[in-house]
Structures are given as structure tokens and as C-alpha cells.
């Protein structure tokens, strides 16, 4: 058994697609129209056949309060592994990304938390 899909709820799918591809560096895997919304998945360029991240529309009534509560408490919706948190923090800051937590070393892991501009906090993590 392996993880095939993971989702992050986004306020605006087109804006999310631009952020996750143009800024974070993921690659578009699927973009299928489904009525007013789309089935959009992105993948790591390092693993194009690996786990897909679904940029899920936030239309369900339970989603906005859930996302707002996570953000209010500073809880990331998900976490992405990176080779060097400090380098990614520098690169993304230069692209205008807002971080709610700069790089912090916590034993064998270094993390930072960013705002994905679509209603989520996203953690990046480097494991020793």
C-alpha cells in the first residue's frame, strides 16, 4: 500500500495552480474540468509518478471554518520535504512568499511555515 493522492483545500484553484507550480516548483499532472471546478493535481518534478497533491476546491461548507481554525492556531495543512530549509526560505522570500515561521531547528528536523496565498499554512521540513 502507498499514498497515491493527498489534498489541500484552496480558495482559488487557478491562483493555487500558479502558486504551487510557478513559486513552489511543483509540476502540473492533471487539470480536468468538472463543472465549475477542476480536478487539478501537481507532483514533485523529482517524482513525477509519485504522490499527487490535489488542489481541492474549498466549496464544502465545512472547509472554510476548518481552514480558518488551522490558520488561527498556526497549524500547517500539510508538510513538504526539502533538502535545505534555509535555502528554500531564502529563495521563496525573494519571490514574495510570506512566512509565518522562519526556519527553526527542532532536533533532527528544521522547519519553516509559509502562507500559500490560498487560505493555508504549509510547512517545509528538512530532516537530518
C-alpha atoms as a PDB file:
ATOM      1  CA  UNK A   1       0.000   0.000   0.000  1.00  0.00           C
ATOM      2  CA  UNK A   2       1.220   3.501  -0.763  1.00  0.00           C
ATOM      3  CA  UNK A   3      -0.152   7.037  -0.714  1.00  0.00           C
ATOM      4  CA  UNK A   4      -1.487   7.964  -4.135  1.00  0.00           C
ATOM      5  CA  UNK A   5      -3.213  11.306  -3.506  1.00  0.00           C
ATOM      6  CA  UNK A   6      -3.154  13.961  -0.811  1.00  0.00           C
ATOM      7  CA  UNK A   7      -5.337  17.074  -0.855  1.00  0.00           C
ATOM      8  CA  UNK A   8      -5.059  20.667   0.192  1.00  0.00           C
ATOM      9  CA  UNK A   9      -8.199  22.816   0.128  1.00  0.00           C
ATOM     10  CA  UNK A  10      -7.675  26.032  -1.844  1.00  0.00           C
ATOM     11  CA  UNK A  11      -9.810  29.161  -2.102  1.00  0.00           C
ATOM     12  CA  UNK A  12      -9.000  29.725  -5.785  1.00  0.00           C
ATOM     13  CA  UNK A  13      -7.841  26.824  -7.931  1.00  0.00           C
ATOM     14  CA  UNK A  14      -6.232  28.945 -10.656  1.00  0.00           C
ATOM     15  CA  UNK A  15      -4.336  31.068  -8.132  1.00  0.00           C
ATOM     16  CA  UNK A  16      -3.297  27.897  -6.301  1.00  0.00           C
ATOM     17  CA  UNK A  17      -2.084  26.275  -9.516  1.00  0.00           C
ATOM     18  CA  UNK A  18       0.126  29.291 -10.256  1.00  0.00           C
ATOM     19  CA  UNK A  19       1.497  29.361  -6.701  1.00  0.00           C
ATOM     20  CA  UNK A  20       2.184  25.645  -6.417  1.00  0.00           C
ATOM     21  CA  UNK A  21       3.831  25.468  -9.863  1.00  0.00           C
ATOM     22  CA  UNK A  22       5.405  28.871 -10.526  1.00  0.00           C
ATOM     23  CA  UNK A  23       6.509  29.576  -6.945  1.00  0.00           C
ATOM     24  CA  UNK A  24       6.910  26.256  -5.140  1.00  0.00           C
ATOM     25  CA  UNK A  25       8.110  24.421  -8.248  1.00  0.00           C
ATOM     26  CA  UNK A  26       5.667  21.524  -8.496  1.00  0.00           C
ATOM     27  CA  UNK A  27       4.581  20.327 -11.950  1.00  0.00           C
ATOM     28  CA  UNK A  28       1.025  20.048 -13.245  1.00  0.00           C
ATOM     29  CA  UNK A  29      -0.057  16.417 -13.592  1.00  0.00           C
ATOM     30  CA  UNK A  30      -3.823  16.639 -14.244  1.00  0.00           C
ATOM     31  CA  UNK A  31      -6.195  19.510 -14.997  1.00  0.00           C
ATOM     32  CA  UNK A  32      -9.680  18.198 -15.780  1.00  0.00           C
ATOM     33  CA  UNK A  33     -12.761  20.457 -15.897  1.00  0.00           C
ATOM     34  CA  UNK A  34     -15.547  19.306 -13.559  1.00  0.00           C
ATOM     35  CA  UNK A  35     -18.405  21.760 -13.858  1.00  0.00           C
ATOM     36  CA  UNK A  36     -17.466  24.957 -12.040  1.00  0.00           C
ATOM     37  CA  UNK A  37     -14.372  23.352 -10.518  1.00  0.00           C
ATOM     38  CA  UNK A  38     -11.441  21.316 -11.821  1.00  0.00           C
ATOM     39  CA  UNK A  39      -9.560  18.160 -10.856  1.00  0.00           C
ATOM     40  CA  UNK A  40      -6.077  19.627 -10.542  1.00  0.00           C
ATOM     41  CA  UNK A  41      -3.111  17.645  -9.304  1.00  0.00           C
ATOM     42  CA  UNK A  42       0.536  18.609  -9.062  1.00  0.00           C
ATOM     43  CA  UNK A  43       3.606  16.473  -8.461  1.00  0.00           C
ATOM     44  CA  UNK A  44       7.200  16.922  -7.484  1.00  0.00           C
ATOM     45  CA  UNK A  45       9.492  17.208 -10.512  1.00  0.00           C
ATOM     46  CA  UNK A  46      11.723  14.772  -8.619  1.00  0.00           C
ATOM     47  CA  UNK A  47       8.942  12.144  -8.564  1.00  0.00           C
ATOM     48  CA  UNK A  48       6.562  12.761 -11.490  1.00  0.00           C
ATOM     49  CA  UNK A  49       4.939   9.359 -10.961  1.00  0.00           C
ATOM     50  CA  UNK A  50       4.820   9.751  -7.181  1.00  0.00           C
ATOM     51  CA  UNK A  51       2.199  11.109  -4.823  1.00  0.00           C
ATOM     52  CA  UNK A  52      -0.091  13.693  -6.391  1.00  0.00           C
ATOM     53  CA  UNK A  53      -1.292  16.749  -4.487  1.00  0.00           C
ATOM     54  CA  UNK A  54      -4.917  17.616  -5.301  1.00  0.00           C
ATOM     55  CA  UNK A  55      -5.676  21.347  -5.289  1.00  0.00           C
ATOM     56  CA  UNK A  56      -9.139  20.731  -3.904  1.00  0.00           C
ATOM     57  CA  UNK A  57     -11.795  23.483  -4.099  1.00  0.00           C
ATOM     58  CA  UNK A  58     -12.929  24.848  -0.725  1.00  0.00           C
ATOM     59  CA  UNK A  59     -16.632  24.813  -1.644  1.00  0.00           C
ATOM     60  CA  UNK A  60     -17.915  22.411   1.020  1.00  0.00           C
ATOM     61  CA  UNK A  61     -19.446  24.376   3.958  1.00  0.00           C
ATOM     62  CA  UNK A  62     -17.215  22.596   6.495  1.00  0.00           C
ATOM     63  CA  UNK A  63     -13.986  23.643   4.796  1.00  0.00           C
ATOM     64  CA  UNK A  64     -13.800  27.422   5.498  1.00  0.00           C
ATOM     65  CA  UNK A  65     -14.209  27.101   9.302  1.00  0.00           C
ATOM     66  CA  UNK A  66     -11.728  24.194   9.335  1.00  0.00           C
ATOM     67  CA  UNK A  67      -9.114  26.153   7.374  1.00  0.00           C
ATOM     68  CA  UNK A  68      -9.671  29.312   9.430  1.00  0.00           C
ATOM     69  CA  UNK A  69      -9.204  27.377  12.685  1.00  0.00           C
ATOM     70  CA  UNK A  70      -5.968  25.797  11.476  1.00  0.00           C
ATOM     71  CA  UNK A  71      -4.552  29.149  10.348  1.00  0.00           C
ATOM     72  CA  UNK A  72      -5.650  30.881  13.570  1.00  0.00           C
ATOM     73  CA  UNK A  73      -3.767  28.261  15.577  1.00  0.00           C
ATOM     74  CA  UNK A  74      -0.748  28.341  13.241  1.00  0.00           C
ATOM     75  CA  UNK A  75      -1.217  24.707  12.170  1.00  0.00           C
ATOM     76  CA  UNK A  76       0.037  23.797   8.683  1.00  0.00           C
ATOM     77  CA  UNK A  77      -2.375  21.981   6.381  1.00  0.00           C
ATOM     78  CA  UNK A  78       0.468  19.769   5.163  1.00  0.00           C
ATOM     79  CA  UNK A  79       4.244  19.476   5.048  1.00  0.00           C
ATOM     80  CA  UNK A  80       6.674  19.219   2.135  1.00  0.00           C
ATOM     81  CA  UNK A  81      10.184  17.803   2.437  1.00  0.00           C
ATOM     82  CA  UNK A  82      13.069  19.930   1.174  1.00  0.00           C
ATOM     83  CA  UNK A  83      16.808  19.360   1.097  1.00  0.00           C
ATOM     84  CA  UNK A  84      17.655  22.723   2.705  1.00  0.00           C
ATOM     85  CA  UNK A  85      15.020  24.714   4.597  1.00  0.00           C
ATOM     86  CA  UNK A  86      17.261  27.783   4.885  1.00  0.00           C
ATOM     87  CA  UNK A  87      17.909  27.869   1.124  1.00  0.00           C
ATOM     88  CA  UNK A  88      14.211  27.383   0.329  1.00  0.00           C
ATOM     89  CA  UNK A  89      13.272  30.096   2.822  1.00  0.00           C
ATOM     90  CA  UNK A  90      15.690  32.486   1.118  1.00  0.00           C
ATOM     91  CA  UNK A  91      14.507  31.532  -2.395  1.00  0.00           C
ATOM     92  CA  UNK A  92      10.815  31.765  -1.569  1.00  0.00           C
ATOM     93  CA  UNK A  93      11.162  35.005   0.405  1.00  0.00           C
ATOM     94  CA  UNK A  94      12.841  36.559  -2.645  1.00  0.00           C
ATOM     95  CA  UNK A  95       9.762  35.521  -4.665  1.00  0.00           C
ATOM     96  CA  UNK A  96       7.493  37.357  -2.210  1.00  0.00           C
ATOM     97  CA  UNK A  97       6.299  34.375  -0.181  1.00  0.00           C
ATOM     98  CA  UNK A  98       5.210  35.303   3.343  1.00  0.00           C
ATOM     99  CA  UNK A  99       6.468  33.049   6.104  1.00  0.00           C
ATOM    100  CA  UNK A 100       4.635  32.817   9.428  1.00  0.00           C
ATOM    101  CA  UNK A 101       7.562  30.882  10.925  1.00  0.00           C
ATOM    102  CA  UNK A 102      11.155  31.324   9.800  1.00  0.00           C
ATOM    103  CA  UNK A 103      13.445  28.288   9.823  1.00  0.00           C
ATOM    104  CA  UNK A 104      13.579  26.687  13.265  1.00  0.00           C
ATOM    105  CA  UNK A 105      15.777  23.775  14.229  1.00  0.00           C
ATOM    106  CA  UNK A 106      13.991  21.175  16.351  1.00  0.00           C
ATOM    107  CA  UNK A 107      16.366  18.319  16.989  1.00  0.00           C
ATOM    108  CA  UNK A 108      16.687  16.230  13.830  1.00  0.00           C
ATOM    109  CA  UNK A 109      14.316  18.419  11.792  1.00  0.00           C
ATOM    110  CA  UNK A 110      14.369  22.035  10.633  1.00  0.00           C
ATOM    111  CA  UNK A 111      11.026  23.548   9.661  1.00  0.00           C
ATOM    112  CA  UNK A 112       9.548  26.781   8.352  1.00  0.00           C
ATOM    113  CA  UNK A 113       5.903  27.673   7.690  1.00  0.00           C
ATOM    114  CA  UNK A 114       4.612  29.699   4.750  1.00  0.00           C
ATOM    115  CA  UNK A 115       1.295  31.140   3.585  1.00  0.00           C
ATOM    116  CA  UNK A 116       0.201  29.548   0.298  1.00  0.00           C
ATOM    117  CA  UNK A 117      -1.979  32.608  -0.599  1.00  0.00           C
ATOM    118  CA  UNK A 118      -4.988  30.274  -0.893  1.00  0.00           C
ATOM    119  CA  UNK A 119      -6.008  30.016   2.753  1.00  0.00           C
ATOM    120  CA  UNK A 120      -3.422  27.553   4.071  1.00  0.00           C
ATOM    121  CA  UNK A 121      -0.238  27.417   6.042  1.00  0.00           C
ATOM    122  CA  UNK A 122       2.270  24.985   4.571  1.00  0.00           C
ATOM    123  CA  UNK A 123       5.282  23.599   6.416  1.00  0.00           C
ATOM    124  CA  UNK A 124       8.568  22.843   4.711  1.00  0.00           C
ATOM    125  CA  UNK A 125      10.817  20.408   6.545  1.00  0.00           C
ATOM    126  CA  UNK A 126      14.384  19.214   6.306  1.00  0.00           C
ATOM    127  CA  UNK A 127      15.279  16.014   8.083  1.00  0.00           C
ATOM    128  CA  UNK A 128      18.846  15.409   9.243  1.00  0.00           C
END
